[in-house]
Amino acid sequence: MHRIHLEQDIQPLSTFRSKISYFFNKVKKTKRPLIITQNGKSSAILLDVAEYQSLIDKIEILEDIKIAEEQISSGKGISHSKVKKMFIKRT
């Protein structure tokens, strides 16, 4: 995900409402999220769909890694040589 530009990517809800098309296009173009504030506090984030999907994909990979690490720690892992033999048998 692209870094947020604090002076450009944080907008109050009133400004967002009045320029919604502009902000949608800006998020699509820059791939940076837009933080929308309400009563001076962060309230919502507008995120490009492709950037959102990328975040979800990364989270799923990290979850898979965590599960794999837990399995290895509990002795449920498979050695490299055993995996290699399994793949050689498949071909």
PDB file of N, CA and C in Angstrom:
ATOM      1  N   MET A   1       0.842  -1.169   0.000  1.00  0.00           N
ATOM      2  CA  MET A   1       0.000   0.000   0.000  1.00  0.00           C
ATOM      3  C   MET A   1       0.891   1.238   0.000  1.00  0.00           C
ATOM      4  N   HIS A   2       0.459   2.240  -0.697  1.00  0.00           N
ATOM      5  CA  HIS A   2       1.213   3.487  -0.774  1.00  0.00           C
ATOM      6  C   HIS A   2       1.058   4.272   0.522  1.00  0.00           C
ATOM      7  N   ARG A   3       2.109   5.009   0.857  1.00  0.00           N
ATOM      8  CA  ARG A   3       2.086   5.806   2.090  1.00  0.00           C
ATOM      9  C   ARG A   3       1.072   6.937   1.994  1.00  0.00           C
ATOM     10  N   ILE A   4       0.475   7.226   3.121  1.00  0.00           N
ATOM     11  CA  ILE A   4      -0.484   8.322   3.214  1.00  0.00           C
ATOM     12  C   ILE A   4       0.268   9.646   3.242  1.00  0.00           C
ATOM     13  N   HIS A   5      -0.232  10.618   2.505  1.00  0.00           N
ATOM     14  CA  HIS A   5       0.282  11.986   2.571  1.00  0.00           C
ATOM     15  C   HIS A   5      -0.652  12.735   3.518  1.00  0.00           C
ATOM     16  N   LEU A   6      -0.161  13.014   4.704  1.00  0.00           N
ATOM     17  CA  LEU A   6      -1.014  13.564   5.755  1.00  0.00           C
ATOM     18  C   LEU A   6      -1.743  14.850   5.339  1.00  0.00           C
ATOM     19  N   GLU A   7      -1.078  15.699   4.576  1.00  0.00           N
ATOM     20  CA  GLU A   7      -1.713  16.967   4.198  1.00  0.00           C
ATOM     21  C   GLU A   7      -2.761  16.805   3.101  1.00  0.00           C
ATOM     22  N   GLN A   8      -2.760  15.667   2.399  1.00  0.00           N
ATOM     23  CA  GLN A   8      -3.689  15.461   1.282  1.00  0.00           C
ATOM     24  C   GLN A   8      -4.712  14.354   1.529  1.00  0.00           C
ATOM     25  N   ASP A   9      -4.368  13.386   2.354  1.00  0.00           N
ATOM     26  CA  ASP A   9      -5.162  12.162   2.434  1.00  0.00           C
ATOM     27  C   ASP A   9      -5.994  12.033   3.699  1.00  0.00           C
ATOM     28  N   ILE A  10      -6.181  13.122   4.410  1.00  0.00           N
ATOM     29  CA  ILE A  10      -7.083  13.143   5.558  1.00  0.00           C
ATOM     30  C   ILE A  10      -8.065  14.282   5.317  1.00  0.00           C
ATOM     31  N   GLN A  11      -9.336  13.930   5.237  1.00  0.00           N
ATOM     32  CA  GLN A  11     -10.351  14.929   4.911  1.00  0.00           C
ATOM     33  C   GLN A  11     -11.551  14.794   5.835  1.00  0.00           C
ATOM     34  N   PRO A  12     -12.152  15.934   6.202  1.00  0.00           N
ATOM     35  CA  PRO A  12     -13.369  15.868   6.995  1.00  0.00           C
ATOM     36  C   PRO A  12     -14.534  15.353   6.148  1.00  0.00           C
ATOM     37  N   LEU A  13     -15.507  14.774   6.803  1.00  0.00           N
ATOM     38  CA  LEU A  13     -16.660  14.212   6.123  1.00  0.00           C
ATOM     39  C   LEU A  13     -17.368  15.246   5.253  1.00  0.00           C
ATOM     40  N   SER A  14     -17.471  16.472   5.725  1.00  0.00           N
ATOM     41  CA  SER A  14     -18.157  17.523   4.956  1.00  0.00           C
ATOM     42  C   SER A  14     -17.459  17.783   3.624  1.00  0.00           C
ATOM     43  N   THR A  15     -16.132  17.818   3.631  1.00  0.00           N
ATOM     44  CA  THR A  15     -15.378  18.015   2.389  1.00  0.00           C
ATOM     45  C   THR A  15     -15.515  16.796   1.490  1.00  0.00           C
ATOM     46  N   PHE A  16     -15.453  15.609   2.082  1.00  0.00           N
ATOM     47  CA  PHE A  16     -15.615  14.377   1.316  1.00  0.00           C
ATOM     48  C   PHE A  16     -16.969  14.352   0.618  1.00  0.00           C
ATOM     49  N   ARG A  17     -18.033  14.702   1.330  1.00  0.00           N
ATOM     50  CA  ARG A  17     -19.385  14.719   0.748  1.00  0.00           C
ATOM     51  C   ARG A  17     -19.477  15.662  -0.446  1.00  0.00           C
ATOM     52  N   SER A  18     -18.866  16.825  -0.316  1.00  0.00           N
ATOM     53  CA  SER A  18     -18.994  17.827  -1.376  1.00  0.00           C
ATOM     54  C   SER A  18     -18.126  17.517  -2.600  1.00  0.00           C
ATOM     55  N   LYS A  19     -17.121  16.650  -2.449  1.00  0.00           N
ATOM     56  CA  LYS A  19     -16.211  16.337  -3.560  1.00  0.00           C
ATOM     57  C   LYS A  19     -16.037  14.829  -3.720  1.00  0.00           C
ATOM     58  N   ILE A  20     -17.089  14.069  -3.529  1.00  0.00           N
ATOM     59  CA  ILE A  20     -16.977  12.615  -3.483  1.00  0.00           C
ATOM     60  C   ILE A  20     -16.374  12.028  -4.762  1.00  0.00           C
ATOM     61  N   SER A  21     -16.797  12.510  -5.920  1.00  0.00           N
ATOM     62  CA  SER A  21     -16.242  11.995  -7.189  1.00  0.00           C
ATOM     63  C   SER A  21     -14.752  12.279  -7.295  1.00  0.00           C
ATOM     64  N   TYR A  22     -14.362  13.478  -6.894  1.00  0.00           N
ATOM     65  CA  TYR A  22     -12.954  13.858  -6.915  1.00  0.00           C
ATOM     66  C   TYR A  22     -12.130  12.899  -6.060  1.00  0.00           C
ATOM     67  N   PHE A  23     -12.603  12.613  -4.842  1.00  0.00           N
ATOM     68  CA  PHE A  23     -11.850  11.737  -3.939  1.00  0.00           C
ATOM     69  C   PHE A  23     -11.837  10.288  -4.428  1.00  0.00           C
ATOM     70  N   PHE A  24     -12.935   9.811  -5.012  1.00  0.00           N
ATOM     71  CA  PHE A  24     -12.940   8.462  -5.583  1.00  0.00           C
ATOM     72  C   PHE A  24     -11.876   8.363  -6.674  1.00  0.00           C
ATOM     73  N   ASN A  25     -11.851   9.342  -7.567  1.00  0.00           N
ATOM     74  CA  ASN A  25     -10.868   9.334  -8.653  1.00  0.00           C
ATOM     75  C   ASN A  25      -9.443   9.448  -8.120  1.00  0.00           C
ATOM     76  N   LYS A  26      -9.262  10.274  -7.108  1.00  0.00           N
ATOM     77  CA  LYS A  26      -7.934  10.461  -6.526  1.00  0.00           C
ATOM     78  C   LYS A  26      -7.414   9.159  -5.909  1.00  0.00           C
ATOM     79  N   VAL A  27      -8.258   8.464  -5.174  1.00  0.00           N
ATOM     80  CA  VAL A  27      -7.861   7.193  -4.554  1.00  0.00           C
ATOM     81  C   VAL A  27      -7.524   6.161  -5.637  1.00  0.00           C
ATOM     82  N   LYS A  28      -8.325   6.120  -6.691  1.00  0.00           N
ATOM     83  CA  LYS A  28      -8.037   5.197  -7.800  1.00  0.00           C
ATOM     84  C   LYS A  28      -6.695   5.519  -8.453  1.00  0.00           C
ATOM     85  N   LYS A  29      -6.442   6.800  -8.669  1.00  0.00           N
ATOM     86  CA  LYS A  29      -5.228   7.225  -9.365  1.00  0.00           C
ATOM     87  C   LYS A  29      -3.970   7.057  -8.511  1.00  0.00           C
ATOM     88  N   THR A  30      -4.025   7.502  -7.263  1.00  0.00           N
ATOM     89  CA  THR A  30      -2.825   7.505  -6.416  1.00  0.00           C
ATOM     90  C   THR A  30      -2.590   6.176  -5.700  1.00  0.00           C
ATOM     91  N   LYS A  31      -3.653   5.362  -5.574  1.00  0.00           N
ATOM     92  CA  LYS A  31      -3.609   4.095  -4.826  1.00  0.00           C
ATOM     93  C   LYS A  31      -3.367   4.324  -3.340  1.00  0.00           C
ATOM     94  N   ARG A  32      -3.490   5.578  -2.888  1.00  0.00           N
ATOM     95  CA  ARG A  32      -3.340   5.897  -1.470  1.00  0.00           C
ATOM     96  C   ARG A  32      -4.715   5.923  -0.819  1.00  0.00           C
ATOM     97  N   PRO A  33      -4.820   5.439   0.407  1.00  0.00           N
ATOM     98  CA  PRO A  33      -6.115   5.497   1.087  1.00  0.00           C
ATOM     99  C   PRO A  33      -6.454   6.929   1.493  1.00  0.00           C
ATOM    100  N   LEU A  34      -7.733   7.173   1.657  1.00  0.00           N
ATOM    101  CA  LEU A  34      -8.212   8.472   2.130  1.00  0.00           C
ATOM    102  C   LEU A  34      -8.848   8.253   3.499  1.00  0.00           C
ATOM    103  N   ILE A  35      -8.362   8.969   4.483  1.00  0.00           N
ATOM    104  CA  ILE A  35      -8.943   8.887   5.824  1.00  0.00           C
ATOM    105  C   ILE A  35      -9.991   9.979   5.942  1.00  0.00           C
ATOM    106  N   ILE A  36     -11.180   9.571   6.329  1.00  0.00           N
ATOM    107  CA  ILE A  36     -12.289  10.513   6.474  1.00  0.00           C
ATOM    108  C   ILE A  36     -12.529  10.720   7.966  1.00  0.00           C
ATOM    109  N   THR A  37     -12.558  11.992   8.363  1.00  0.00           N
ATOM    110  CA  THR A  37     -12.756  12.301   9.777  1.00  0.00           C
ATOM    111  C   THR A  37     -14.176  12.800  10.015  1.00  0.00           C
ATOM    112  N   GLN A  38     -14.618  12.590  11.236  1.00  0.00           N
ATOM    113  CA  GLN A  38     -15.919  13.087  11.656  1.00  0.00           C
ATOM    114  C   GLN A  38     -15.745  13.628  13.066  1.00  0.00           C
ATOM    115  N   ASN A  39     -16.135  14.868  13.266  1.00  0.00           N
ATOM    116  CA  ASN A  39     -15.942  15.549  14.548  1.00  0.00           C
ATOM    117  C   ASN A  39     -14.473  15.525  14.974  1.00  0.00           C
ATOM    118  N   GLY A  40     -13.577  15.668  14.010  1.00  0.00           N
ATOM    119  CA  GLY A  40     -12.153  15.759  14.297  1.00  0.00           C
ATOM    120  C   GLY A  40     -11.451  14.446  14.567  1.00  0.00           C
ATOM    121  N   LYS A  41     -12.157  13.331  14.433  1.00  0.00           N
ATOM    122  CA  LYS A  41     -11.555  12.022  14.698  1.00  0.00           C
ATOM    123  C   LYS A  41     -11.681  11.128  13.473  1.00  0.00           C
ATOM    124  N   SER A  42     -10.699  10.261  13.296  1.00  0.00           N
ATOM    125  CA  SER A  42     -10.744   9.313  12.190  1.00  0.00           C
ATOM    126  C   SER A  42     -12.018   8.490  12.289  1.00  0.00           C
ATOM    127  N   SER A  43     -12.713   8.349  11.143  1.00  0.00           N
ATOM    128  CA  SER A  43     -13.994   7.656  11.169  1.00  0.00           C
ATOM    129  C   SER A  43     -14.060   6.521  10.149  1.00  0.00           C
ATOM    130  N   ALA A  44     -13.435   6.726   8.976  1.00  0.00           N
ATOM    131  CA  ALA A  44     -13.503   5.714   7.920  1.00  0.00           C
ATOM    132  C   ALA A  44     -12.308   5.873   6.991  1.00  0.00           C
ATOM    133  N   ILE A  45     -12.085   4.824   6.194  1.00  0.00           N
ATOM    134  CA  ILE A  45     -11.011   4.860   5.209  1.00  0.00           C
ATOM    135  C   ILE A  45     -11.576   4.434   3.859  1.00  0.00           C
ATOM    136  N   LEU A  46     -11.298   5.229   2.847  1.00  0.00           N
ATOM    137  CA  LEU A  46     -11.656   4.882   1.474  1.00  0.00           C
ATOM    138  C   LEU A  46     -10.411   4.297   0.836  1.00  0.00           C
ATOM    139  N   LEU A  47     -10.536   3.087   0.296  1.00  0.00           N
ATOM    140  CA  LEU A  47      -9.384   2.353  -0.210  1.00  0.00           C
ATOM    141  C   LEU A  47      -9.676   1.830  -1.608  1.00  0.00           C
ATOM    142  N   ASP A  48      -8.713   1.934  -2.497  1.00  0.00           N
ATOM    143  CA  ASP A  48      -8.822   1.388  -3.838  1.00  0.00           C
ATOM    144  C   ASP A  48      -9.067  -0.122  -3.757  1.00  0.00           C
ATOM    145  N   VAL A  49      -9.916  -0.648  -4.612  1.00  0.00           N
ATOM    146  CA  VAL A  49     -10.284  -2.062  -4.575  1.00  0.00           C
ATOM    147  C   VAL A  49      -9.067  -2.967  -4.757  1.00  0.00           C
ATOM    148  N   ALA A  50      -8.191  -2.655  -5.691  1.00  0.00           N
ATOM    149  CA  ALA A  50      -7.002  -3.484  -5.920  1.00  0.00           C
ATOM    150  C   ALA A  50      -6.075  -3.444  -4.705  1.00  0.00           C
ATOM    151  N   GLU A  51      -5.960  -2.294  -4.061  1.00  0.00           N
ATOM    152  CA  GLU A  51      -5.143  -2.181  -2.856  1.00  0.00           C
ATOM    153  C   GLU A  51      -5.751  -2.991  -1.716  1.00  0.00           C
ATOM    154  N   TYR A  52      -7.069  -2.948  -1.624  1.00  0.00           N
ATOM    155  CA  TYR A  52      -7.758  -3.747  -0.600  1.00  0.00           C
ATOM    156  C   TYR A  52      -7.503  -5.239  -0.829  1.00  0.00           C
ATOM    157  N   GLN A  53      -7.652  -5.688  -2.068  1.00  0.00           N
ATOM    158  CA  GLN A  53      -7.421  -7.101  -2.379  1.00  0.00           C
ATOM    159  C   GLN A  53      -5.983  -7.499  -2.070  1.00  0.00           C
ATOM    160  N   SER A  54      -5.048  -6.630  -2.367  1.00  0.00           N
ATOM    161  CA  SER A  54      -3.646  -6.887  -2.068  1.00  0.00           C
ATOM    162  C   SER A  54      -3.426  -7.064  -0.561  1.00  0.00           C
ATOM    163  N   LEU A  55      -4.072  -6.221   0.235  1.00  0.00           N
ATOM    164  CA  LEU A  55      -3.968  -6.338   1.691  1.00  0.00           C
ATOM    165  C   LEU A  55      -4.544  -7.672   2.177  1.00  0.00           C
ATOM    166  N   ILE A  56      -5.686  -8.046   1.637  1.00  0.00           N
ATOM    167  CA  ILE A  56      -6.320  -9.315   2.020  1.00  0.00           C
ATOM    168  C   ILE A  56      -5.401 -10.480   1.655  1.00  0.00           C
ATOM    169  N   ASP A  57      -4.825 -10.432   0.460  1.00  0.00           N
ATOM    170  CA  ASP A  57      -3.906 -11.498   0.035  1.00  0.00           C
ATOM    171  C   ASP A  57      -2.714 -11.606   0.979  1.00  0.00           C
ATOM    172  N   LYS A  58      -2.152 -10.479   1.362  1.00  0.00           N
ATOM    173  CA  LYS A  58      -1.005 -10.475   2.277  1.00  0.00           C
ATOM    174  C   LYS A  58      -1.390 -11.032   3.646  1.00  0.00           C
ATOM    175  N   ILE A  59      -2.560 -10.664   4.127  1.00  0.00           N
ATOM    176  CA  ILE A  59      -3.021 -11.179   5.418  1.00  0.00           C
ATOM    177  C   ILE A  59      -3.184 -12.688   5.362  1.00  0.00           C
ATOM    178  N   GLU A  60      -3.757 -13.202   4.272  1.00  0.00           N
ATOM    179  CA  GLU A  60      -3.943 -14.651   4.136  1.00  0.00           C
ATOM    180  C   GLU A  60      -2.600 -15.383   4.116  1.00  0.00           C
ATOM    181  N   ILE A  61      -1.626 -14.816   3.431  1.00  0.00           N
ATOM    182  CA  ILE A  61      -0.289 -15.430   3.396  1.00  0.00           C
ATOM    183  C   ILE A  61       0.325 -15.439   4.799  1.00  0.00           C
ATOM    184  N   LEU A  62       0.209 -14.324   5.506  1.00  0.00           N
ATOM    185  CA  LEU A  62       0.748 -14.255   6.865  1.00  0.00           C
ATOM    186  C   LEU A  62       0.055 -15.252   7.796  1.00  0.00           C
ATOM    187  N   GLU A  63      -1.250 -15.420   7.623  1.00  0.00           N
ATOM    188  CA  GLU A  63      -1.975 -16.408   8.429  1.00  0.00           C
ATOM    189  C   GLU A  63      -1.491 -17.820   8.115  1.00  0.00           C
ATOM    190  N   ASP A  64      -1.260 -18.109   6.836  1.00  0.00           N
ATOM    191  CA  ASP A  64      -0.735 -19.428   6.444  1.00  0.00           C
ATOM    192  C   ASP A  64       0.649 -19.669   7.048  1.00  0.00           C
ATOM    193  N   ILE A  65       1.482 -18.632   7.038  1.00  0.00           N
ATOM    194  CA  ILE A  65       2.825 -18.756   7.621  1.00  0.00           C
ATOM    195  C   ILE A  65       2.725 -19.029   9.121  1.00  0.00           C
ATOM    196  N   LYS A  66       1.821 -18.324   9.795  1.00  0.00           N
ATOM    197  CA  LYS A  66       1.647 -18.527  11.228  1.00  0.00           C
ATOM    198  C   LYS A  66       1.209 -19.966  11.513  1.00  0.00           C
ATOM    199  N   ILE A  67       0.264 -20.474  10.746  1.00  0.00           N
ATOM    200  CA  ILE A  67      -0.197 -21.858  10.928  1.00  0.00           C
ATOM    201  C   ILE A  67       0.953 -22.824  10.691  1.00  0.00           C
ATOM    202  N   ALA A  68       1.726 -22.593   9.633  1.00  0.00           N
ATOM    203  CA  ALA A  68       2.860 -23.471   9.323  1.00  0.00           C
ATOM    204  C   ALA A  68       3.888 -23.454  10.448  1.00  0.00           C
ATOM    205  N   GLU A  69       4.175 -22.264  10.988  1.00  0.00           N
ATOM    206  CA  GLU A  69       5.134 -22.175  12.093  1.00  0.00           C
ATOM    207  C   GLU A  69       4.639 -22.925  13.326  1.00  0.00           C
ATOM    208  N   GLU A  70       3.332 -22.812  13.597  1.00  0.00           N
ATOM    209  CA  GLU A  70       2.753 -23.532  14.732  1.00  0.00           C
ATOM    210  C   GLU A  70       2.838 -25.049  14.516  1.00  0.00           C
ATOM    211  N   GLN A  71       2.581 -25.481  13.292  1.00  0.00           N
ATOM    212  CA  GLN A  71       2.656 -26.908  12.981  1.00  0.00           C
ATOM    213  C   GLN A  71       4.084 -27.425  13.121  1.00  0.00           C
ATOM    214  N   ILE A  72       5.040 -26.665  12.657  1.00  0.00           N
ATOM    215  CA  ILE A  72       6.445 -27.058  12.772  1.00  0.00           C
ATOM    216  C   ILE A  72       6.852 -27.124  14.244  1.00  0.00           C
ATOM    217  N   SER A  73       6.432 -26.121  15.013  1.00  0.00           N
ATOM    218  CA  SER A  73       6.769 -26.101  16.441  1.00  0.00           C
ATOM    219  C   SER A  73       6.180 -27.290  17.194  1.00  0.00           C
ATOM    220  N   SER A  74       5.031 -27.759  16.741  1.00  0.00           N
ATOM    221  CA  SER A  74       4.385 -28.881  17.435  1.00  0.00           C
ATOM    222  C   SER A  74       4.786 -30.235  16.843  1.00  0.00           C
ATOM    223  N   GLY A  75       5.787 -30.227  15.941  1.00  0.00           N
ATOM    224  CA  GLY A  75       6.299 -31.476  15.388  1.00  0.00           C
ATOM    225  C   GLY A  75       5.500 -32.030  14.230  1.00  0.00           C
ATOM    226  N   LYS A  76       4.609 -31.250  13.667  1.00  0.00           N
ATOM    227  CA  LYS A  76       3.785 -31.722  12.550  1.00  0.00           C
ATOM    228  C   LYS A  76       4.382 -31.377  11.184  1.00  0.00           C
ATOM    229  N   GLY A  77       5.589 -30.832  11.183  1.00  0.00           N
ATOM    230  CA  GLY A  77       6.225 -30.449   9.928  1.00  0.00           C
ATOM    231  C   GLY A  77       6.753 -31.649   9.159  1.00  0.00           C
ATOM    232  N   ILE A  78       7.057 -31.433   7.898  1.00  0.00           N
ATOM    233  CA  ILE A  78       7.633 -32.465   7.036  1.00  0.00           C
ATOM    234  C   ILE A  78       9.014 -31.985   6.612  1.00  0.00           C
ATOM    235  N   SER A  79       9.988 -32.860   6.672  1.00  0.00           N
ATOM    236  CA  SER A  79      11.361 -32.479   6.321  1.00  0.00           C
ATOM    237  C   SER A  79      11.464 -32.177   4.827  1.00  0.00           C
ATOM    238  N   HIS A  80      12.467 -31.396   4.506  1.00  0.00           N
ATOM    239  CA  HIS A  80      12.713 -31.025   3.109  1.00  0.00           C
ATOM    240  C   HIS A  80      12.936 -32.265   2.246  1.00  0.00           C
ATOM    241  N   SER A  81      13.726 -33.187   2.739  1.00  0.00           N
ATOM    242  CA  SER A  81      14.023 -34.390   1.949  1.00  0.00           C
ATOM    243  C   SER A  81      12.767 -35.220   1.704  1.00  0.00           C
ATOM    244  N   LYS A  82      11.871 -35.283   2.677  1.00  0.00           N
ATOM    245  CA  LYS A  82      10.624 -36.039   2.496  1.00  0.00           C
ATOM    246  C   LYS A  82       9.727 -35.361   1.457  1.00  0.00           C
ATOM    247  N   VAL A  83       9.632 -34.056   1.513  1.00  0.00           N
ATOM    248  CA  VAL A  83       8.828 -33.320   0.529  1.00  0.00           C
ATOM    249  C   VAL A  83       9.413 -33.507  -0.868  1.00  0.00           C
ATOM    250  N   LYS A  84      10.730 -33.440  -0.968  1.00  0.00           N
ATOM    251  CA  LYS A  84      11.408 -33.614  -2.254  1.00  0.00           C
ATOM    252  C   LYS A  84      11.079 -34.985  -2.840  1.00  0.00           C
ATOM    253  N   LYS A  85      11.122 -36.022  -2.017  1.00  0.00           N
ATOM    254  CA  LYS A  85      10.803 -37.371  -2.477  1.00  0.00           C
ATOM    255  C   LYS A  85       9.351 -37.459  -2.935  1.00  0.00           C
ATOM    256  N   MET A  86       8.454 -36.797  -2.215  1.00  0.00           N
ATOM    257  CA  MET A  86       7.036 -36.811  -2.599  1.00  0.00           C
ATOM    258  C   MET A  86       6.834 -36.163  -3.973  1.00  0.00           C
ATOM    259  N   PHE A  87       7.522 -35.068  -4.243  1.00  0.00           N
ATOM    260  CA  PHE A  87       7.387 -34.390  -5.533  1.00  0.00           C
ATOM    261  C   PHE A  87       8.026 -35.213  -6.657  1.00  0.00           C
ATOM    262  N   ILE A  88       9.125 -35.872  -6.364  1.00  0.00           N
ATOM    263  CA  ILE A  88       9.778 -36.693  -7.382  1.00  0.00           C
ATOM    264  C   ILE A  88       8.869 -37.852  -7.773  1.00  0.00           C
ATOM    265  N   LYS A  89       8.168 -38.446  -6.831  1.00  0.00           N
ATOM    266  CA  LYS A  89       7.242 -39.544  -7.115  1.00  0.00           C
ATOM    267  C   LYS A  89       6.065 -39.090  -7.992  1.00  0.00           C
ATOM    268  N   ARG A  90       5.652 -37.848  -7.856  1.00  0.00           N
ATOM    269  CA  ARG A  90       4.519 -37.323  -8.635  1.00  0.00           C
ATOM    270  C   ARG A  90       4.852 -37.164 -10.113  1.00  0.00           C
ATOM    271  N   THR A  91       6.119 -36.934 -10.415  1.00  0.00           N
ATOM    272  CA  THR A  91       6.477 -36.659 -11.815  1.00  0.00           C
ATOM    273  C   THR A  91       6.819 -37.910 -12.583  1.00  0.00           C
TER     274      THR A  91
END
